[in-house]
Amino acid sequence: MYLFLFTALWVVFQYVNSTKVYESQEKHIAKLEQQLAEADSLQAVREDGGERYFKLKGNEQAYDYFERFGVAVDDLEAKIESAIISKNTTEGNALIPYENATGIFQINKVEVLNHKWVIADFSDGKRWGELILLYSIDKEGNITFETLQSVIYP
């Protein structure tokens, strides 16, 4: 008799506990599905042009500018980025106007804004900053850079 009573209580306890766990998991799944739907809608906004306004790709005025001077636009953004990153040496990068006693500043990320300007992120591992570069390309494809402004964060 005691065994039957104990078994009945154990079954009721397990049923109530598993019901609570199931409801908790269902709430968690619904919350995650809502977050996924929000993330999908944000991605759709970005794909519709909301990701970045200033960019070289698709900028017809910039393409016209390069065509007037006979510069090929194919993979131009990648060429500019690699030209800037290739200036990173063991002594630093000549485009960065800051001296560093604790390390070497090197450019990490580059964004081509239009047919004249580039913004770049630099760091030495502990401190970081950003700079705006003016670039020009001659008919032979040589790229020259000039640092217009820079900022280093404390």
Protein backbone atom coordinates (compact mmCIF):
# COMPACT_ATOMS: atom_id res chain seq x y z
CA MET A 1 0.00 0.00 0.00
CA TYR A 2 2.80 2.42 0.92
CA LEU A 3 4.60 1.55 -2.29
CA PHE A 4 1.50 2.34 -4.35
CA LEU A 5 1.02 5.69 -2.58
CA PHE A 6 4.69 6.60 -3.01
CA THR A 7 4.58 5.67 -6.71
CA ALA A 8 1.44 7.72 -7.27
CA LEU A 9 3.02 10.79 -5.62
CA TRP A 10 6.21 10.30 -7.64
CA VAL A 11 4.25 10.14 -10.92
CA VAL A 12 2.28 13.28 -10.06
CA PHE A 13 5.49 15.09 -9.13
CA GLN A 14 7.20 14.05 -12.39
CA TYR A 15 4.17 15.10 -14.44
CA VAL A 16 3.98 18.58 -12.85
CA ASN A 17 7.75 19.08 -13.13
CA SER A 18 7.93 17.99 -16.78
CA THR A 19 4.94 20.24 -17.62
CA LYS A 20 6.73 23.24 -16.13
CA VAL A 21 9.95 22.41 -17.99
CA TYR A 22 8.03 21.99 -21.25
CA GLU A 23 6.27 25.36 -20.85
CA SER A 24 9.57 27.05 -20.00
CA GLN A 25 11.20 25.61 -23.11
CA GLU A 26 8.26 26.66 -25.27
CA LYS A 27 8.58 30.27 -24.00
CA HIS A 28 12.31 30.20 -24.69
CA ILE A 29 11.76 28.87 -28.23
CA ALA A 30 9.14 31.56 -28.93
CA LYS A 31 11.54 34.26 -27.70
CA LEU A 32 14.35 32.93 -29.92
CA GLU A 33 12.03 32.76 -32.93
CA GLN A 34 11.05 36.39 -32.34
CA GLN A 35 14.74 37.42 -32.16
CA LEU A 36 15.43 35.50 -35.37
CA ALA A 37 12.56 37.26 -37.14
CA GLU A 38 13.88 40.65 -36.00
CA ALA A 39 17.39 39.76 -37.18
CA ASP A 40 16.02 38.66 -40.56
CA SER A 41 14.14 41.93 -40.95
CA LEU A 42 17.30 43.93 -40.11
CA GLN A 43 19.25 41.90 -42.67
CA ALA A 44 16.58 42.67 -45.27
CA VAL A 45 16.93 46.39 -44.53
CA ARG A 46 20.70 46.14 -44.96
CA GLU A 47 20.32 44.28 -48.24
CA ASP A 48 17.97 46.98 -49.48
CA GLY A 49 20.72 49.57 -49.21
CA GLY A 50 20.55 50.38 -45.54
CA GLU A 51 23.96 48.96 -44.72
CA ARG A 52 26.20 51.77 -45.94
CA TYR A 53 25.42 54.95 -47.81
CA PHE A 54 28.97 55.96 -48.68
CA LYS A 55 30.53 53.26 -50.82
CA LEU A 56 32.40 53.02 -54.07
CA LYS A 57 30.51 50.03 -55.43
CA GLY A 58 27.45 51.24 -57.29
CA ASN A 59 28.42 54.94 -57.09
CA GLU A 60 27.77 56.12 -60.66
CA GLN A 61 29.41 59.53 -60.14
CA ALA A 62 32.61 57.84 -58.97
CA TYR A 63 32.53 55.43 -61.91
CA ASP A 64 32.09 58.36 -64.31
CA TYR A 65 35.04 60.11 -62.67
CA PHE A 66 37.30 57.09 -63.17
CA GLU A 67 36.12 56.57 -66.75
CA ARG A 68 37.00 60.18 -67.64
CA PHE A 69 40.58 59.53 -66.57
CA GLY A 70 40.78 56.07 -68.11
CA VAL A 71 41.04 54.15 -64.84
CA ALA A 72 39.60 50.63 -64.80
CA VAL A 73 37.02 50.19 -62.04
CA ASP A 74 37.15 46.38 -61.89
CA ASP A 75 38.34 45.31 -58.42
CA LEU A 76 39.40 48.89 -57.70
CA GLU A 77 38.21 48.76 -54.10
CA ALA A 78 40.26 45.60 -53.44
CA LYS A 79 43.33 47.18 -55.07
CA ILE A 80 43.03 50.28 -52.88
CA GLU A 81 42.62 48.20 -49.74
CA SER A 82 45.60 45.99 -50.54
CA ALA A 83 47.73 49.05 -51.39
CA ILE A 84 47.00 50.54 -47.96
CA ILE A 85 47.47 47.28 -46.05
CA SER A 86 50.72 46.58 -47.93
CA LYS A 87 52.18 49.72 -46.35
CA ASN A 88 52.12 47.89 -42.97
CA THR A 89 55.73 47.04 -42.13
CA THR A 90 57.66 46.03 -39.05
CA GLU A 91 58.33 49.75 -38.45
CA GLY A 92 54.66 50.65 -38.72
CA ASN A 93 52.67 52.33 -41.47
CA ALA A 94 53.82 55.58 -43.06
CA LEU A 95 50.23 56.79 -43.44
CA ILE A 96 49.70 56.86 -39.65
CA PRO A 97 51.04 60.16 -38.28
CA TYR A 98 51.54 58.96 -34.69
CA GLU A 99 54.68 57.66 -33.02
CA ASN A 100 54.23 54.85 -30.55
CA ALA A 101 56.64 53.89 -27.81
CA THR A 102 54.83 50.70 -26.78
CA GLY A 103 54.18 49.07 -30.14
CA ILE A 104 53.74 49.55 -33.85
CA PHE A 105 50.61 51.09 -35.33
CA GLN A 106 49.28 49.16 -38.30
CA ILE A 107 46.14 49.55 -40.37
CA ASN A 108 43.56 46.83 -39.72
CA LYS A 109 40.44 47.73 -41.69
CA VAL A 110 39.84 49.90 -44.72
CA GLU A 111 36.58 51.27 -46.15
CA VAL A 112 36.59 53.04 -49.52
CA LEU A 113 34.01 55.83 -49.28
CA ASN A 114 34.03 57.24 -52.81
CA HIS A 115 36.36 58.17 -55.67
CA LYS A 116 38.64 60.26 -53.43
CA TRP A 117 38.34 59.26 -49.77
CA VAL A 118 39.14 56.23 -47.65
CA ILE A 119 38.58 55.72 -43.94
CA ALA A 120 40.87 53.32 -42.11
CA ASP A 121 41.14 51.83 -38.63
CA PHE A 122 44.56 51.32 -37.02
CA SER A 123 45.82 49.81 -33.81
CA ASP A 124 48.89 48.59 -31.94
CA GLY A 125 46.95 46.05 -29.92
CA LYS A 126 46.35 48.37 -26.97
CA ARG A 127 45.50 51.74 -28.51
CA TRP A 128 43.55 52.41 -31.68
CA GLY A 129 42.49 55.20 -33.95
CA GLU A 130 41.06 56.11 -37.31
CA LEU A 131 42.21 58.18 -40.23
CA ILE A 132 40.80 59.66 -43.41
CA LEU A 133 42.94 59.33 -46.51
CA LEU A 134 42.81 61.10 -49.83
CA TYR A 135 43.81 58.84 -52.70
CA SER A 136 44.46 59.34 -56.37
CA ILE A 137 45.08 56.90 -59.20
CA ASP A 138 47.02 57.68 -62.35
CA LYS A 139 46.43 56.10 -65.75
CA GLU A 140 49.06 53.43 -65.09
CA GLY A 141 47.17 52.32 -62.00
CA ASN A 142 49.59 53.71 -59.40
CA ILE A 143 47.81 54.73 -56.22
CA THR A 144 49.05 57.55 -54.00
CA PHE A 145 47.72 58.39 -50.56
CA GLU A 146 47.66 61.48 -48.37
CA THR A 147 46.50 61.48 -44.74
CA LEU A 148 43.90 64.23 -44.30
CA GLN A 149 42.82 63.75 -40.70
CA SER A 150 43.48 61.26 -37.96
CA VAL A 151 42.35 60.57 -34.44
CA ILE A 152 43.76 58.33 -31.76
CA TYR A 153 41.62 57.17 -28.87
CA PRO A 154 42.95 57.28 -25.30
